[in-house]
Amino acid sequence: MSDSSTTFSEIKEKITHFSEERDWHQFHSPKNLAMALTAEAGELMECFLWNDSGASHHTMKDPKKAQEIRDEIADIVIYALEFCNVTGIDISDAIHEKIQQNATKYPVEKARGNSAKYTEL
C-alpha cells in the first residue's frame, strides 16, 4: 500500500474490519476516540521533546526514532479515521472544505511567509 495507490475509503474499511474482528466498536464512542487521538498526538510530541526546531528536522535520520514516529503518526491517523467512521464524517469532503475555508482566512498575498494567525494578518 502507498499514498499514491490507496484511498481513504480503503483504509477506513481496513480499520472498520480490524475493529469489528475484535468487537471494539463498543468502546469507540466519539469521546473515547477523541481522547485516544489526543493521547497519541502527545506520544508523537514526546518523540521531539527537548529538540529545537532545527534538530527536529533531523530526527527522522535516526532509524529507531523514525520507526517510533511512523508508529505514532499511524496511530493518530487510525484514530482520526475511526472517528470519521463512527461519526459519519466524509474525510475527503471535510479536508477539501477546510482547505477552502483556510484559503479565505489566509489569502496568499497576506499569508505568504507569515506565521501570524488569520486574525492578525
C-alpha atoms as a PDB file:
ATOM      1  CA  MET A   1       0.000   0.000   0.000  1.00  0.00           C
ATOM      2  CA  SER A   2       1.140   3.527  -0.674  1.00  0.00           C
ATOM      3  CA  ASP A   3      -0.334   7.030  -0.595  1.00  0.00           C
ATOM      4  CA  SER A   4      -0.404   7.134  -4.383  1.00  0.00           C
ATOM      5  CA  SER A   5      -2.456   3.957  -4.747  1.00  0.00           C
ATOM      6  CA  THR A   6      -4.662   3.793  -1.635  1.00  0.00           C
ATOM      7  CA  THR A   7      -7.875   5.699  -0.971  1.00  0.00           C
ATOM      8  CA  PHE A   8      -9.219   6.944   2.345  1.00  0.00           C
ATOM      9  CA  SER A   9     -12.149   4.615   1.767  1.00  0.00           C
ATOM     10  CA  GLU A  10      -9.882   1.569   1.554  1.00  0.00           C
ATOM     11  CA  ILE A  11      -8.060   2.488   4.744  1.00  0.00           C
ATOM     12  CA  LYS A  12     -11.311   3.270   6.577  1.00  0.00           C
ATOM     13  CA  GLU A  13     -12.647  -0.161   5.554  1.00  0.00           C
ATOM     14  CA  LYS A  14      -9.478  -1.866   6.872  1.00  0.00           C
ATOM     15  CA  ILE A  15      -9.830  -0.011  10.185  1.00  0.00           C
ATOM     16  CA  THR A  16     -13.507  -0.980  10.451  1.00  0.00           C
ATOM     17  CA  HIS A  17     -12.716  -4.621   9.696  1.00  0.00           C
ATOM     18  CA  PHE A  18      -9.889  -4.668  12.273  1.00  0.00           C
ATOM     19  CA  SER A  19     -12.145  -3.151  14.924  1.00  0.00           C
ATOM     20  CA  GLU A  20     -15.124  -5.404  14.140  1.00  0.00           C
ATOM     21  CA  GLU A  21     -12.984  -8.546  14.345  1.00  0.00           C
ATOM     22  CA  ARG A  22     -12.064  -7.575  17.908  1.00  0.00           C
ATOM     23  CA  ASP A  23     -15.535  -6.309  18.876  1.00  0.00           C
ATOM     24  CA  TRP A  24     -14.034  -2.933  19.737  1.00  0.00           C
ATOM     25  CA  HIS A  25     -16.803  -0.763  18.317  1.00  0.00           C
ATOM     26  CA  GLN A  26     -18.484  -0.922  21.707  1.00  0.00           C
ATOM     27  CA  PHE A  27     -15.576   1.180  23.042  1.00  0.00           C
ATOM     28  CA  HIS A  28     -15.280   3.545  20.078  1.00  0.00           C
ATOM     29  CA  SER A  29     -17.506   6.415  21.090  1.00  0.00           C
ATOM     30  CA  PRO A  30     -16.628   9.833  19.674  1.00  0.00           C
ATOM     31  CA  LYS A  31     -15.454  10.885  23.154  1.00  0.00           C
ATOM     32  CA  ASN A  32     -13.158   7.875  23.590  1.00  0.00           C
ATOM     33  CA  LEU A  33     -11.739   8.193  20.091  1.00  0.00           C
ATOM     34  CA  ALA A  34     -11.080  11.921  20.577  1.00  0.00           C
ATOM     35  CA  MET A  35      -9.269  11.147  23.825  1.00  0.00           C
ATOM     36  CA  ALA A  36      -7.233   8.352  22.213  1.00  0.00           C
ATOM     37  CA  LEU A  37      -6.347  10.644  19.323  1.00  0.00           C
ATOM     38  CA  THR A  38      -5.127  13.302  21.756  1.00  0.00           C
ATOM     39  CA  ALA A  39      -3.085  10.756  23.718  1.00  0.00           C
ATOM     40  CA  GLU A  40      -1.388   9.531  20.551  1.00  0.00           C
ATOM     41  CA  ALA A  41      -0.650  13.115  19.485  1.00  0.00           C
ATOM     42  CA  GLY A  42       1.058  13.561  22.858  1.00  0.00           C
ATOM     43  CA  GLU A  43       3.177  10.478  22.171  1.00  0.00           C
ATOM     44  CA  LEU A  44       4.203  11.974  18.818  1.00  0.00           C
ATOM     45  CA  MET A  45       5.182  15.221  20.548  1.00  0.00           C
ATOM     46  CA  GLU A  46       7.264  13.208  23.003  1.00  0.00           C
ATOM     47  CA  CYS A  47       9.420  11.999  20.101  1.00  0.00           C
ATOM     48  CA  PHE A  48      10.601  15.604  19.678  1.00  0.00           C
ATOM     49  CA  LEU A  49      10.796  16.572  23.346  1.00  0.00           C
ATOM     50  CA  TRP A  50      13.773  18.831  24.098  1.00  0.00           C
ATOM     51  CA  ASN A  51      14.680  19.212  20.406  1.00  0.00           C
ATOM     52  CA  ASP A  52      14.864  22.697  18.982  1.00  0.00           C
ATOM     53  CA  SER A  53      13.109  23.298  15.676  1.00  0.00           C
ATOM     54  CA  GLY A  54      16.250  22.721  13.636  1.00  0.00           C
ATOM     55  CA  ALA A  55      17.111  19.438  15.341  1.00  0.00           C
ATOM     56  CA  SER A  56      13.565  18.176  14.878  1.00  0.00           C
ATOM     57  CA  HIS A  57      14.153  18.108  11.102  1.00  0.00           C
ATOM     58  CA  HIS A  58      16.975  15.600  11.598  1.00  0.00           C
ATOM     59  CA  THR A  59      15.083  13.256  13.912  1.00  0.00           C
ATOM     60  CA  MET A  60      13.931  11.044  11.035  1.00  0.00           C
ATOM     61  CA  LYS A  61      17.558  10.249  10.184  1.00  0.00           C
ATOM     62  CA  ASP A  62      17.728   8.025  13.293  1.00  0.00           C
ATOM     63  CA  PRO A  63      16.149   4.711  12.179  1.00  0.00           C
ATOM     64  CA  LYS A  64      14.850   3.857  15.669  1.00  0.00           C
ATOM     65  CA  LYS A  65      13.272   7.304  16.119  1.00  0.00           C
ATOM     66  CA  ALA A  66      11.918   7.252  12.571  1.00  0.00           C
ATOM     67  CA  GLN A  67      10.098   3.971  13.249  1.00  0.00           C
ATOM     68  CA  GLU A  68       8.712   5.320  16.521  1.00  0.00           C
ATOM     69  CA  ILE A  69       7.438   8.422  14.706  1.00  0.00           C
ATOM     70  CA  ARG A  70       5.902   6.307  11.904  1.00  0.00           C
ATOM     71  CA  ASP A  71       4.084   4.228  14.520  1.00  0.00           C
ATOM     72  CA  GLU A  72       2.756   7.283  16.347  1.00  0.00           C
ATOM     73  CA  ILE A  73       1.548   9.068  13.220  1.00  0.00           C
ATOM     74  CA  ALA A  74      -0.127   5.843  12.075  1.00  0.00           C
ATOM     75  CA  ASP A  75      -1.928   5.592  15.437  1.00  0.00           C
ATOM     76  CA  ILE A  76      -3.084   9.207  15.092  1.00  0.00           C
ATOM     77  CA  VAL A  77      -4.428   8.711  11.579  1.00  0.00           C
ATOM     78  CA  ILE A  78      -6.079   5.392  12.500  1.00  0.00           C
ATOM     79  CA  TYR A  79      -7.918   7.003  15.404  1.00  0.00           C
ATOM     80  CA  ALA A  80      -8.868  10.009  13.271  1.00  0.00           C
ATOM     81  CA  LEU A  81     -10.263   7.782  10.528  1.00  0.00           C
ATOM     82  CA  GLU A  82     -12.082   5.576  13.027  1.00  0.00           C
ATOM     83  CA  PHE A  83     -13.584   8.784  14.458  1.00  0.00           C
ATOM     84  CA  CYS A  84     -14.793   9.563  10.940  1.00  0.00           C
ATOM     85  CA  ASN A  85     -16.208   6.046  10.611  1.00  0.00           C
ATOM     86  CA  VAL A  86     -18.130   6.337  13.883  1.00  0.00           C
ATOM     87  CA  THR A  87     -19.433   9.853  13.252  1.00  0.00           C
ATOM     88  CA  GLY A  88     -20.121   9.532   9.524  1.00  0.00           C
ATOM     89  CA  ILE A  89     -17.645  12.224   8.508  1.00  0.00           C
ATOM     90  CA  ASP A  90     -16.514  12.059   4.884  1.00  0.00           C
ATOM     91  CA  ILE A  91     -12.876  12.974   5.473  1.00  0.00           C
ATOM     92  CA  SER A  92     -12.102  13.862   1.857  1.00  0.00           C
ATOM     93  CA  ASP A  93     -15.013  16.299   1.807  1.00  0.00           C
ATOM     94  CA  ALA A  94     -14.070  17.713   5.228  1.00  0.00           C
ATOM     95  CA  ILE A  95     -10.454  18.280   4.159  1.00  0.00           C
ATOM     96  CA  HIS A  96     -11.479  19.921   0.886  1.00  0.00           C
ATOM     97  CA  GLU A  97     -13.923  22.195   2.712  1.00  0.00           C
ATOM     98  CA  LYS A  98     -11.333  23.117   5.367  1.00  0.00           C
ATOM     99  CA  ILE A  99      -8.708  23.972   2.750  1.00  0.00           C
ATOM    100  CA  GLN A 100     -11.258  26.287   1.101  1.00  0.00           C
ATOM    101  CA  GLN A 101     -12.012  27.934   4.465  1.00  0.00           C
ATOM    102  CA  ASN A 102      -8.289  28.354   5.147  1.00  0.00           C
ATOM    103  CA  ALA A 103      -7.736  29.844   1.696  1.00  0.00           C
ATOM    104  CA  THR A 104     -10.261  32.530   2.575  1.00  0.00           C
ATOM    105  CA  LYS A 105      -8.761  33.156   6.019  1.00  0.00           C
ATOM    106  CA  TYR A 106      -5.173  33.090   4.746  1.00  0.00           C
ATOM    107  CA  PRO A 107      -5.055  34.790   1.336  1.00  0.00           C
ATOM    108  CA  VAL A 108      -1.714  34.235  -0.379  1.00  0.00           C
ATOM    109  CA  GLU A 109      -0.934  37.943  -0.654  1.00  0.00           C
ATOM    110  CA  LYS A 110      -1.183  38.330   3.152  1.00  0.00           C
ATOM    111  CA  ALA A 111      -0.115  34.927   4.460  1.00  0.00           C
ATOM    112  CA  ARG A 112       2.851  34.000   2.263  1.00  0.00           C
ATOM    113  CA  GLY A 113       5.891  33.603   4.521  1.00  0.00           C
ATOM    114  CA  ASN A 114       3.913  34.860   7.525  1.00  0.00           C
ATOM    115  CA  SER A 115       3.101  32.635  10.502  1.00  0.00           C
ATOM    116  CA  ALA A 116       0.605  35.040  12.080  1.00  0.00           C
ATOM    117  CA  LYS A 117      -2.923  33.874  12.823  1.00  0.00           C
ATOM    118  CA  TYR A 118      -5.511  34.986  10.257  1.00  0.00           C
ATOM    119  CA  THR A 119      -6.959  37.483  12.752  1.00  0.00           C
ATOM    120  CA  GLU A 120      -3.567  39.226  12.838  1.00  0.00           C
ATOM    121  CA  LEU A 121      -2.791  39.383   9.126  1.00  0.00           C
END
